[in-house]
C-alpha atoms as a PDB file:
ATOM      1  CA  UNK A   1      39.988  -2.726  -0.701  1.00  0.00           C
ATOM      2  CA  UNK A   2      36.597  -3.711   0.728  1.00  0.00           C
ATOM      3  CA  UNK A   3      35.495  -7.206  -0.289  1.00  0.00           C
ATOM      4  CA  UNK A   4      31.881  -7.032  -1.459  1.00  0.00           C
ATOM      5  CA  UNK A   5      30.975 -10.655  -0.717  1.00  0.00           C
ATOM      6  CA  UNK A   6      33.378 -12.014   1.936  1.00  0.00           C
ATOM      7  CA  UNK A   7      31.258 -15.131   2.491  1.00  0.00           C
ATOM      8  CA  UNK A   8      31.688 -16.144  -1.171  1.00  0.00           C
ATOM      9  CA  UNK A   9      35.516 -16.029  -1.330  1.00  0.00           C
ATOM     10  CA  UNK A  10      35.979 -19.774  -0.833  1.00  0.00           C
ATOM     11  CA  UNK A  11      33.057 -20.846  -2.968  1.00  0.00           C
ATOM     12  CA  UNK A  12      33.437 -22.814  -6.159  1.00  0.00           C
ATOM     13  CA  UNK A  13      34.162 -20.669  -9.216  1.00  0.00           C
ATOM     14  CA  UNK A  14      31.399 -20.848 -11.817  1.00  0.00           C
ATOM     15  CA  UNK A  15      32.393 -19.376 -15.182  1.00  0.00           C
ATOM     16  CA  UNK A  16      29.789 -16.907 -16.449  1.00  0.00           C
ATOM     17  CA  UNK A  17      28.323 -18.151 -19.748  1.00  0.00           C
ATOM     18  CA  UNK A  18      27.918 -15.904 -22.775  1.00  0.00           C
ATOM     19  CA  UNK A  19      24.487 -14.307 -22.892  1.00  0.00           C
ATOM     20  CA  UNK A  20      22.161 -15.208 -25.780  1.00  0.00           C
ATOM     21  CA  UNK A  21      21.013 -12.474 -28.161  1.00  0.00           C
ATOM     22  CA  UNK A  22      17.680 -11.961 -26.390  1.00  0.00           C
ATOM     23  CA  UNK A  23      19.409 -11.001 -23.104  1.00  0.00           C
ATOM     24  CA  UNK A  24      21.802  -8.291 -24.285  1.00  0.00           C
ATOM     25  CA  UNK A  25      21.035  -4.654 -23.504  1.00  0.00           C
ATOM     26  CA  UNK A  26      22.635  -1.343 -24.498  1.00  0.00           C
ATOM     27  CA  UNK A  27      24.863   0.581 -22.110  1.00  0.00           C
ATOM     28  CA  UNK A  28      23.264   3.696 -20.577  1.00  0.00           C
ATOM     29  CA  UNK A  29      24.131   6.936 -22.372  1.00  0.00           C
ATOM     30  CA  UNK A  30      21.159   9.354 -22.470  1.00  0.00           C
ATOM     31  CA  UNK A  31      21.053  12.780 -20.811  1.00  0.00           C
ATOM     32  CA  UNK A  32      17.924  11.810 -18.849  1.00  0.00           C
ATOM     33  CA  UNK A  33      19.749   8.761 -17.470  1.00  0.00           C
ATOM     34  CA  UNK A  34      22.582  11.027 -16.294  1.00  0.00           C
ATOM     35  CA  UNK A  35      20.138  13.536 -14.805  1.00  0.00           C
ATOM     36  CA  UNK A  36      18.359  10.791 -12.813  1.00  0.00           C
ATOM     37  CA  UNK A  37      21.704   9.444 -11.590  1.00  0.00           C
ATOM     38  CA  UNK A  38      22.860  12.935 -10.565  1.00  0.00           C
ATOM     39  CA  UNK A  39      19.691  13.622  -8.542  1.00  0.00           C
ATOM     40  CA  UNK A  40      20.050  10.278  -6.730  1.00  0.00           C
ATOM     41  CA  UNK A  41      23.745  10.912  -5.976  1.00  0.00           C
ATOM     42  CA  UNK A  42      23.064  14.488  -4.841  1.00  0.00           C
ATOM     43  CA  UNK A  43      20.623  13.204  -2.230  1.00  0.00           C
ATOM     44  CA  UNK A  44      23.048  10.461  -1.152  1.00  0.00           C
ATOM     45  CA  UNK A  45      20.547   7.672  -1.842  1.00  0.00           C
ATOM     46  CA  UNK A  46      21.027   4.046  -2.850  1.00  0.00           C
ATOM     47  CA  UNK A  47      19.201   2.280  -5.687  1.00  0.00           C
ATOM     48  CA  UNK A  48      18.858  -1.446  -6.155  1.00  0.00           C
ATOM     49  CA  UNK A  49      19.262  -0.696  -9.873  1.00  0.00           C
ATOM     50  CA  UNK A  50      22.963  -0.035  -9.256  1.00  0.00           C
ATOM     51  CA  UNK A  51      23.606  -2.301  -6.265  1.00  0.00           C
ATOM     52  CA  UNK A  52      22.097  -5.394  -7.894  1.00  0.00           C
ATOM     53  CA  UNK A  53      23.555  -4.569 -11.342  1.00  0.00           C
ATOM     54  CA  UNK A  54      20.108  -4.590 -12.957  1.00  0.00           C
ATOM     55  CA  UNK A  55      20.197  -5.064 -16.759  1.00  0.00           C
ATOM     56  CA  UNK A  56      17.281  -2.637 -17.201  1.00  0.00           C
ATOM     57  CA  UNK A  57      18.894   0.371 -15.524  1.00  0.00           C
ATOM     58  CA  UNK A  58      19.297   2.300 -18.791  1.00  0.00           C
ATOM     59  CA  UNK A  59      15.670   1.897 -19.876  1.00  0.00           C
ATOM     60  CA  UNK A  60      14.219   2.626 -16.433  1.00  0.00           C
ATOM     61  CA  UNK A  61      16.358   5.649 -15.606  1.00  0.00           C
ATOM     62  CA  UNK A  62      15.624   7.181 -18.998  1.00  0.00           C
ATOM     63  CA  UNK A  63      11.969   7.045 -17.920  1.00  0.00           C
ATOM     64  CA  UNK A  64      12.859   8.673 -14.563  1.00  0.00           C
ATOM     65  CA  UNK A  65      12.010   5.429 -12.784  1.00  0.00           C
ATOM     66  CA  UNK A  66      14.267   4.103 -10.052  1.00  0.00           C
ATOM     67  CA  UNK A  67      13.892   1.599  -7.236  1.00  0.00           C
ATOM     68  CA  UNK A  68      15.228   3.052  -3.998  1.00  0.00           C
ATOM     69  CA  UNK A  69      16.988   0.748  -1.565  1.00  0.00           C
ATOM     70  CA  UNK A  70      16.564   1.799   2.061  1.00  0.00           C
ATOM     71  CA  UNK A  71      18.243   0.748   5.334  1.00  0.00           C
ATOM     72  CA  UNK A  72      21.748   0.993   3.895  1.00  0.00           C
ATOM     73  CA  UNK A  73      23.764  -0.823   1.246  1.00  0.00           C
ATOM     74  CA  UNK A  74      24.845  -3.845   3.310  1.00  0.00           C
ATOM     75  CA  UNK A  75      22.713  -6.969   3.723  1.00  0.00           C
ATOM     76  CA  UNK A  76      22.825  -9.378   6.677  1.00  0.00           C
ATOM     77  CA  UNK A  77      21.926 -12.375   4.500  1.00  0.00           C
ATOM     78  CA  UNK A  78      24.133 -14.053   1.913  1.00  0.00           C
ATOM     79  CA  UNK A  79      21.846 -15.239  -0.880  1.00  0.00           C
ATOM     80  CA  UNK A  80      23.750 -17.069  -3.601  1.00  0.00           C
ATOM     81  CA  UNK A  81      22.148 -15.084  -6.442  1.00  0.00           C
ATOM     82  CA  UNK A  82      22.379 -11.521  -5.138  1.00  0.00           C
ATOM     83  CA  UNK A  83      24.979  -8.848  -5.917  1.00  0.00           C
ATOM     84  CA  UNK A  84      24.140  -6.568  -2.976  1.00  0.00           C
ATOM     85  CA  UNK A  85      27.042  -6.141  -0.547  1.00  0.00           C
ATOM     86  CA  UNK A  86      26.995  -8.400   2.536  1.00  0.00           C
ATOM     87  CA  UNK A  87      28.435  -7.873   6.011  1.00  0.00           C
ATOM     88  CA  UNK A  88      27.792  -5.758   9.095  1.00  0.00           C
ATOM     89  CA  UNK A  89      25.457  -2.845   8.266  1.00  0.00           C
ATOM     90  CA  UNK A  90      25.810   0.750   9.433  1.00  0.00           C
ATOM     91  CA  UNK A  91      23.317   2.614  11.607  1.00  0.00           C
ATOM     92  CA  UNK A  92      19.923   3.400  10.079  1.00  0.00           C
ATOM     93  CA  UNK A  93      19.716   6.907   8.575  1.00  0.00           C
ATOM     94  CA  UNK A  94      16.720   8.483  10.344  1.00  0.00           C
ATOM     95  CA  UNK A  95      16.616  11.254   7.713  1.00  0.00           C
ATOM     96  CA  UNK A  96      16.309   8.770   4.834  1.00  0.00           C
ATOM     97  CA  UNK A  97      12.469   8.860   4.654  1.00  0.00           C
ATOM     98  CA  UNK A  98      12.556  12.621   4.055  1.00  0.00           C
ATOM     99  CA  UNK A  99      15.443  12.325   1.562  1.00  0.00           C
ATOM    100  CA  UNK A 100      13.488   9.702  -0.402  1.00  0.00           C
ATOM    101  CA  UNK A 101      10.327  11.830  -0.457  1.00  0.00           C
ATOM    102  CA  UNK A 102      12.233  14.954  -1.567  1.00  0.00           C
ATOM    103  CA  UNK A 103      13.948  13.009  -4.359  1.00  0.00           C
ATOM    104  CA  UNK A 104      10.678  11.465  -5.574  1.00  0.00           C
ATOM    105  CA  UNK A 105       9.154  14.951  -5.626  1.00  0.00           C
ATOM    106  CA  UNK A 106      12.138  16.327  -7.569  1.00  0.00           C
ATOM    107  CA  UNK A 107      11.980  13.477 -10.084  1.00  0.00           C
ATOM    108  CA  UNK A 108       8.187  13.992 -10.303  1.00  0.00           C
ATOM    109  CA  UNK A 109       7.464  10.254 -10.186  1.00  0.00           C
ATOM    110  CA  UNK A 110       3.949   8.881 -10.699  1.00  0.00           C
ATOM    111  CA  UNK A 111       4.932   5.561  -9.116  1.00  0.00           C
ATOM    112  CA  UNK A 112       7.837   4.731  -6.802  1.00  0.00           C
ATOM    113  CA  UNK A 113       9.282   1.395  -5.690  1.00  0.00           C
ATOM    114  CA  UNK A 114      10.966   1.083  -2.292  1.00  0.00           C
ATOM    115  CA  UNK A 115      13.016  -1.986  -1.408  1.00  0.00           C
ATOM    116  CA  UNK A 116      15.644  -2.749   1.210  1.00  0.00           C
ATOM    117  CA  UNK A 117      18.473  -4.961   2.286  1.00  0.00           C
ATOM    118  CA  UNK A 118      17.714  -7.587   4.945  1.00  0.00           C
ATOM    119  CA  UNK A 119      18.381  -6.179   8.414  1.00  0.00           C
ATOM    120  CA  UNK A 120      18.352  -9.162  10.759  1.00  0.00           C
ATOM    121  CA  UNK A 121      20.287  -7.000  13.233  1.00  0.00           C
ATOM    122  CA  UNK A 122      17.248  -4.760  13.859  1.00  0.00           C
ATOM    123  CA  UNK A 123      14.555  -5.734  16.334  1.00  0.00           C
ATOM    124  CA  UNK A 124      11.761  -5.254  13.795  1.00  0.00           C
ATOM    125  CA  UNK A 125      13.851  -6.070  10.688  1.00  0.00           C
ATOM    126  CA  UNK A 126      13.344  -2.487   9.485  1.00  0.00           C
ATOM    127  CA  UNK A 127       9.537  -2.592   9.354  1.00  0.00           C
ATOM    128  CA  UNK A 128       9.115   0.773  11.107  1.00  0.00           C
ATOM    129  CA  UNK A 129      11.553   2.386   8.681  1.00  0.00           C
ATOM    130  CA  UNK A 130       9.400   1.186   5.762  1.00  0.00           C
ATOM    131  CA  UNK A 131       6.397   2.790   7.494  1.00  0.00           C
ATOM    132  CA  UNK A 132       8.318   6.045   7.974  1.00  0.00           C
ATOM    133  CA  UNK A 133       9.296   6.152   4.288  1.00  0.00           C
ATOM    134  CA  UNK A 134       5.706   5.505   3.149  1.00  0.00           C
ATOM    135  CA  UNK A 135       4.373   8.169   5.538  1.00  0.00           C
ATOM    136  CA  UNK A 136       6.882  10.752   4.236  1.00  0.00           C
ATOM    137  CA  UNK A 137       5.951   9.929   0.650  1.00  0.00           C
ATOM    138  CA  UNK A 138       2.213  10.255   1.391  1.00  0.00           C
ATOM    139  CA  UNK A 139       2.823  13.668   2.973  1.00  0.00           C
ATOM    140  CA  UNK A 140       5.150  15.140   0.330  1.00  0.00           C
ATOM    141  CA  UNK A 141       4.020  13.277  -2.796  1.00  0.00           C
ATOM    142  CA  UNK A 142       0.290  12.568  -2.353  1.00  0.00           C
ATOM    143  CA  UNK A 143      -0.254  11.760  -6.048  1.00  0.00           C
ATOM    144  CA  UNK A 144       2.589   9.222  -6.244  1.00  0.00           C
ATOM    145  CA  UNK A 145       1.547   5.588  -5.910  1.00  0.00           C
ATOM    146  CA  UNK A 146       3.831   3.485  -3.734  1.00  0.00           C
ATOM    147  CA  UNK A 147       5.109  -0.051  -4.196  1.00  0.00           C
ATOM    148  CA  UNK A 148       7.289  -1.778  -1.605  1.00  0.00           C
ATOM    149  CA  UNK A 149       9.469  -4.846  -2.096  1.00  0.00           C
ATOM    150  CA  UNK A 150      10.191  -6.085   1.407  1.00  0.00           C
ATOM    151  CA  UNK A 151      12.368  -8.699   3.119  1.00  0.00           C
ATOM    152  CA  UNK A 152      10.656 -11.657   4.793  1.00  0.00           C
ATOM    153  CA  UNK A 153      11.032 -10.280   8.377  1.00  0.00           C
ATOM    154  CA  UNK A 154      11.939 -13.818   9.481  1.00  0.00           C
ATOM    155  CA  UNK A 155      11.708 -14.175  13.290  1.00  0.00           C
ATOM    156  CA  UNK A 156      10.515 -10.547  13.650  1.00  0.00           C
ATOM    157  CA  UNK A 157       7.183 -11.244  15.327  1.00  0.00           C
ATOM    158  CA  UNK A 158       5.744  -7.693  15.351  1.00  0.00           C
ATOM    159  CA  UNK A 159       6.907  -6.680  11.871  1.00  0.00           C
ATOM    160  CA  UNK A 160       3.669  -7.536  10.056  1.00  0.00           C
ATOM    161  CA  UNK A 161       1.586  -5.473  12.509  1.00  0.00           C
ATOM    162  CA  UNK A 162       3.992  -2.536  12.180  1.00  0.00           C
ATOM    163  CA  UNK A 163       3.765  -2.662   8.365  1.00  0.00           C
ATOM    164  CA  UNK A 164      -0.014  -2.196   8.646  1.00  0.00           C
ATOM    165  CA  UNK A 165       0.483   1.273  10.191  1.00  0.00           C
ATOM    166  CA  UNK A 166       1.060   2.824   6.751  1.00  0.00           C
ATOM    167  CA  UNK A 167       0.208   0.635   3.792  1.00  0.00           C
ATOM    168  CA  UNK A 168       1.569   1.009   0.254  1.00  0.00           C
ATOM    169  CA  UNK A 169      -0.512   0.564  -2.899  1.00  0.00           C
ATOM    170  CA  UNK A 170       1.409  -2.578  -3.881  1.00  0.00           C
ATOM    171  CA  UNK A 171       3.033  -4.993  -1.428  1.00  0.00           C
ATOM    172  CA  UNK A 172       5.713  -7.120  -3.081  1.00  0.00           C
ATOM    173  CA  UNK A 173       7.751  -9.894  -1.545  1.00  0.00           C
ATOM    174  CA  UNK A 174       9.673 -12.224  -3.834  1.00  0.00           C
ATOM    175  CA  UNK A 175       9.720 -15.984  -3.329  1.00  0.00           C
ATOM    176  CA  UNK A 176      12.712 -15.874  -5.726  1.00  0.00           C
ATOM    177  CA  UNK A 177      12.905 -19.611  -6.430  1.00  0.00           C
ATOM    178  CA  UNK A 178      11.309 -23.015  -5.838  1.00  0.00           C
ATOM    179  CA  UNK A 179      11.321 -24.677  -2.360  1.00  0.00           C
ATOM    180  CA  UNK A 180      13.862 -27.352  -3.389  1.00  0.00           C
ATOM    181  CA  UNK A 181      16.541 -24.728  -4.110  1.00  0.00           C
ATOM    182  CA  UNK A 182      16.136 -22.624  -0.950  1.00  0.00           C
ATOM    183  CA  UNK A 183      18.949 -24.350   0.964  1.00  0.00           C
ATOM    184  CA  UNK A 184      21.518 -23.341  -1.656  1.00  0.00           C
ATOM    185  CA  UNK A 185      20.013 -20.204  -3.249  1.00  0.00           C
ATOM    186  CA  UNK A 186      18.292 -18.519  -0.266  1.00  0.00           C
ATOM    187  CA  UNK A 187      19.870 -20.254   2.752  1.00  0.00           C
ATOM    188  CA  UNK A 188      18.883 -17.597   5.308  1.00  0.00           C
ATOM    189  CA  UNK A 189      15.220 -17.682   4.305  1.00  0.00           C
ATOM    190  CA  UNK A 190      12.313 -20.127   4.496  1.00  0.00           C
ATOM    191  CA  UNK A 191       9.874 -20.671   1.623  1.00  0.00           C
ATOM    192  CA  UNK A 192       6.740 -20.919   3.768  1.00  0.00           C
ATOM    193  CA  UNK A 193       7.713 -17.881   5.875  1.00  0.00           C
ATOM    194  CA  UNK A 194       7.775 -15.837   2.659  1.00  0.00           C
ATOM    195  CA  UNK A 195       4.478 -17.317   1.504  1.00  0.00           C
ATOM    196  CA  UNK A 196       2.879 -16.619   4.885  1.00  0.00           C
ATOM    197  CA  UNK A 197       3.939 -12.948   4.746  1.00  0.00           C
ATOM    198  CA  UNK A 198       2.141 -12.512   1.412  1.00  0.00           C
ATOM    199  CA  UNK A 199      -0.883 -14.410   2.714  1.00  0.00           C
ATOM    200  CA  UNK A 200      -1.049 -12.313   5.900  1.00  0.00           C
ATOM    201  CA  UNK A 201      -0.871  -8.983   4.057  1.00  0.00           C
ATOM    202  CA  UNK A 202      -3.715  -9.883   1.679  1.00  0.00           C
ATOM    203  CA  UNK A 203      -5.845 -11.609   4.329  1.00  0.00           C
ATOM    204  CA  UNK A 204      -5.694  -8.587   6.630  1.00  0.00           C
ATOM    205  CA  UNK A 205      -5.786  -5.893   3.941  1.00  0.00           C
ATOM    206  CA  UNK A 206      -8.003  -7.183   1.141  1.00  0.00           C
ATOM    207  CA  UNK A 207      -7.783  -4.058  -1.046  1.00  0.00           C
ATOM    208  CA  UNK A 208      -3.971  -4.185  -1.093  1.00  0.00           C
ATOM    209  CA  UNK A 209      -2.386  -5.389  -4.346  1.00  0.00           C
ATOM    210  CA  UNK A 210       0.120  -8.168  -3.654  1.00  0.00           C
ATOM    211  CA  UNK A 211       2.958  -9.233  -5.891  1.00  0.00           C
ATOM    212  CA  UNK A 212       5.783 -11.773  -5.979  1.00  0.00           C
ATOM    213  CA  UNK A 213       8.632 -12.712  -8.291  1.00  0.00           C
ATOM    214  CA  UNK A 214      10.671 -15.706  -9.407  1.00  0.00           C
ATOM    215  CA  UNK A 215      14.028 -16.185 -11.093  1.00  0.00           C
ATOM    216  CA  UNK A 216      14.412 -19.037 -13.552  1.00  0.00           C
ATOM    217  CA  UNK A 217      17.477 -20.716 -14.995  1.00  0.00           C
ATOM    218  CA  UNK A 218      18.729 -22.102 -11.668  1.00  0.00           C
ATOM    219  CA  UNK A 219      17.835 -25.730 -12.354  1.00  0.00           C
ATOM    220  CA  UNK A 220      14.121 -25.699 -11.571  1.00  0.00           C
ATOM    221  CA  UNK A 221      11.602 -27.708 -13.620  1.00  0.00           C
ATOM    222  CA  UNK A 222       8.487 -26.220 -15.179  1.00  0.00           C
ATOM    223  CA  UNK A 223       6.357 -28.435 -12.927  1.00  0.00           C
ATOM    224  CA  UNK A 224       8.034 -26.906  -9.872  1.00  0.00           C
ATOM    225  CA  UNK A 225       7.324 -23.401 -11.195  1.00  0.00           C
ATOM    226  CA  UNK A 226       3.671 -24.344 -11.720  1.00  0.00           C
ATOM    227  CA  UNK A 227       3.476 -25.557  -8.112  1.00  0.00           C
ATOM    228  CA  UNK A 228       4.854 -22.219  -6.864  1.00  0.00           C
ATOM    229  CA  UNK A 229       2.202 -20.471  -8.958  1.00  0.00           C
ATOM    230  CA  UNK A 230      -0.452 -22.555  -7.186  1.00  0.00           C
ATOM    231  CA  UNK A 231       1.038 -21.685  -3.789  1.00  0.00           C
ATOM    232  CA  UNK A 232       0.980 -17.981  -4.625  1.00  0.00           C
ATOM    233  CA  UNK A 233      -2.615 -18.147  -5.813  1.00  0.00           C
ATOM    234  CA  UNK A 234      -3.559 -19.901  -2.559  1.00  0.00           C
ATOM    235  CA  UNK A 235      -2.211 -16.745  -0.864  1.00  0.00           C
ATOM    236  CA  UNK A 236      -4.356 -14.677  -3.279  1.00  0.00           C
ATOM    237  CA  UNK A 237      -1.329 -12.934  -4.840  1.00  0.00           C
ATOM    238  CA  UNK A 238      -2.405 -10.675  -7.717  1.00  0.00           C
ATOM    239  CA  UNK A 239       0.763 -10.135  -9.731  1.00  0.00           C
ATOM    240  CA  UNK A 240       3.569 -12.519 -10.699  1.00  0.00           C
ATOM    241  CA  UNK A 241       6.913 -11.589 -12.262  1.00  0.00           C
ATOM    242  CA  UNK A 242       9.258 -14.179 -13.796  1.00  0.00           C
ATOM    243  CA  UNK A 243      12.709 -13.323 -15.145  1.00  0.00           C
ATOM    244  CA  UNK A 244      15.994 -14.934 -16.138  1.00  0.00           C
ATOM    245  CA  UNK A 245      18.604 -15.306 -13.389  1.00  0.00           C
ATOM    246  CA  UNK A 246      21.813 -13.563 -14.432  1.00  0.00           C
ATOM    247  CA  UNK A 247      24.988 -14.499 -12.581  1.00  0.00           C
ATOM    248  CA  UNK A 248      26.681 -11.369 -11.112  1.00  0.00           C
ATOM    249  CA  UNK A 249      30.142 -12.920 -10.591  1.00  0.00           C
ATOM    250  CA  UNK A 250      31.926 -16.254 -10.928  1.00  0.00           C
ATOM    251  CA  UNK A 251      31.428 -16.831  -7.178  1.00  0.00           C
ATOM    252  CA  UNK A 252      27.627 -16.561  -7.365  1.00  0.00           C
ATOM    253  CA  UNK A 253      25.174 -19.370  -8.102  1.00  0.00           C
ATOM    254  CA  UNK A 254      25.690 -20.978 -11.484  1.00  0.00           C
ATOM    255  CA  UNK A 255      23.315 -20.318 -14.391  1.00  0.00           C
ATOM    256  CA  UNK A 256      22.056 -23.783 -15.287  1.00  0.00           C
ATOM    257  CA  UNK A 257      20.528 -22.583 -18.547  1.00  0.00           C
ATOM    258  CA  UNK A 258      19.021 -19.618 -20.360  1.00  0.00           C
ATOM    259  CA  UNK A 259      15.246 -19.881 -20.636  1.00  0.00           C
ATOM    260  CA  UNK A 260      13.947 -19.015 -24.110  1.00  0.00           C
ATOM    261  CA  UNK A 261      11.409 -16.234 -24.777  1.00  0.00           C
ATOM    262  CA  UNK A 262       8.956 -18.920 -25.906  1.00  0.00           C
ATOM    263  CA  UNK A 263       9.221 -20.674 -22.535  1.00  0.00           C
ATOM    264  CA  UNK A 264       8.591 -17.366 -20.757  1.00  0.00           C
ATOM    265  CA  UNK A 265       5.444 -16.942 -22.861  1.00  0.00           C
ATOM    266  CA  UNK A 266       4.313 -20.412 -21.781  1.00  0.00           C
ATOM    267  CA  UNK A 267       4.826 -19.470 -18.128  1.00  0.00           C
ATOM    268  CA  UNK A 268       2.754 -16.311 -18.641  1.00  0.00           C
ATOM    269  CA  UNK A 269      -0.074 -18.247 -20.284  1.00  0.00           C
ATOM    270  CA  UNK A 270      -0.140 -20.771 -17.432  1.00  0.00           C
ATOM    271  CA  UNK A 271      -0.024 -18.032 -14.766  1.00  0.00           C
ATOM    272  CA  UNK A 272      -3.010 -16.209 -16.272  1.00  0.00           C
ATOM    273  CA  UNK A 273      -4.870 -19.528 -16.482  1.00  0.00           C
ATOM    274  CA  UNK A 274      -4.251 -20.030 -12.766  1.00  0.00           C
ATOM    275  CA  UNK A 275      -5.897 -16.704 -11.973  1.00  0.00           C
ATOM    276  CA  UNK A 276      -3.197 -14.035 -11.615  1.00  0.00           C
ATOM    277  CA  UNK A 277      -4.537 -10.581 -12.510  1.00  0.00           C
ATOM    278  CA  UNK A 278      -1.195  -9.492 -13.954  1.00  0.00           C
ATOM    279  CA  UNK A 279       1.871 -11.378 -15.196  1.00  0.00           C
ATOM    280  CA  UNK A 280       5.225 -10.162 -16.464  1.00  0.00           C
ATOM    281  CA  UNK A 281       7.262 -13.075 -17.776  1.00  0.00           C
ATOM    282  CA  UNK A 282      10.213 -12.199 -20.028  1.00  0.00           C
ATOM    283  CA  UNK A 283      13.974 -12.818 -19.899  1.00  0.00           C
ATOM    284  CA  UNK A 284      14.673  -9.277 -18.634  1.00  0.00           C
ATOM    285  CA  UNK A 285      11.715  -9.001 -16.247  1.00  0.00           C
ATOM    286  CA  UNK A 286      12.712  -7.839 -12.767  1.00  0.00           C
ATOM    287  CA  UNK A 287      10.468  -7.100  -9.777  1.00  0.00           C
ATOM    288  CA  UNK A 288      10.120  -3.398 -10.492  1.00  0.00           C
ATOM    289  CA  UNK A 289      10.564  -3.480 -14.284  1.00  0.00           C
ATOM    290  CA  UNK A 290       7.800  -1.351 -15.884  1.00  0.00           C
ATOM    291  CA  UNK A 291       6.299  -1.063 -12.384  1.00  0.00           C
ATOM    292  CA  UNK A 292       4.427   2.162 -13.099  1.00  0.00           C
ATOM    293  CA  UNK A 293       2.807   0.930 -16.331  1.00  0.00           C
ATOM    294  CA  UNK A 294       2.073  -2.462 -14.796  1.00  0.00           C
ATOM    295  CA  UNK A 295       0.375  -0.909 -11.755  1.00  0.00           C
ATOM    296  CA  UNK A 296      -2.061   0.891 -14.069  1.00  0.00           C
ATOM    297  CA  UNK A 297      -2.797  -2.392 -15.860  1.00  0.00           C
ATOM    298  CA  UNK A 298      -3.191  -4.163 -12.516  1.00  0.00           C
ATOM    299  CA  UNK A 299      -5.847  -1.699 -11.328  1.00  0.00           C
ATOM    300  CA  UNK A 300      -7.781  -2.111 -14.578  1.00  0.00           C
ATOM    301  CA  UNK A 301      -7.525  -5.914 -14.346  1.00  0.00           C
ATOM    302  CA  UNK A 302      -8.957  -5.913 -10.811  1.00  0.00           C
ATOM    303  CA  UNK A 303     -11.802  -3.624 -11.834  1.00  0.00           C
ATOM    304  CA  UNK A 304     -12.613  -5.905 -14.760  1.00  0.00           C
ATOM    305  CA  UNK A 305     -12.479  -8.955 -12.476  1.00  0.00           C
ATOM    306  CA  UNK A 306     -14.846  -7.362  -9.950  1.00  0.00           C
ATOM    307  CA  UNK A 307     -17.311  -6.401 -12.684  1.00  0.00           C
ATOM    308  CA  UNK A 308     -17.388  -9.967 -14.032  1.00  0.00           C
ATOM    309  CA  UNK A 309     -18.350 -11.434 -10.642  1.00  0.00           C
END
């Protein structure tokens, strides 16, 4: 049997607490869910919805919305919160960009989200593959808007320039948590490297919508979250998502507490006050949750902002 997270075997066991009523979701059962799953399987594609055990998979797939995970199913990092398999990745599938585009066309998606595992083994971290996927989508699905959720491309000096060769409509890179928790939650990453990536993309491509996300419930304080909001606004990030961290297994990072819906509302109010054009802050919010609807709202919010200046 393949061990999904070999680096976590000897970690402390953290019992998974019972979820409060506002977190629970129904198991997927609809015919449309099954149809979406069958199309994805037929094309031999990977979704982060399945790999990361997303709680919103039923709702999203019933709407024919899926987040495709490119560059394989195995990540070279070992983040303490993530359920994606870790280890040595396989070769990059050069036909994947075309497979993705054909699947998006078959599903008739208005908006698609493309994410990936970290590929520290590749010279460019997978940046060119992102470009190839976007180019294929533009060619086969010209009416579909494209959102990417990228790795940080840490120590990949040409990655940012490569990404500029074919830009998406929304560029998302998640900070995930506060700086103080990086050493334990995101040990292979650096907070200011992630912030600089977001800053670079907006600074060099001003019309690009930028987006970032945070998990809460890992032991952060509200003051630390507010500071991250300020950092993101200094990078001119347009859209912020905040959601509850849910522990995938007993070997993953411990849930320190469940944040209440009222607290999420407070975070949203503060984020809008700090100048974000769009905020999604709920217990079940994930990076690509309601991405299509939110992109429409984001465009309207920018237009309104431009008209008021």
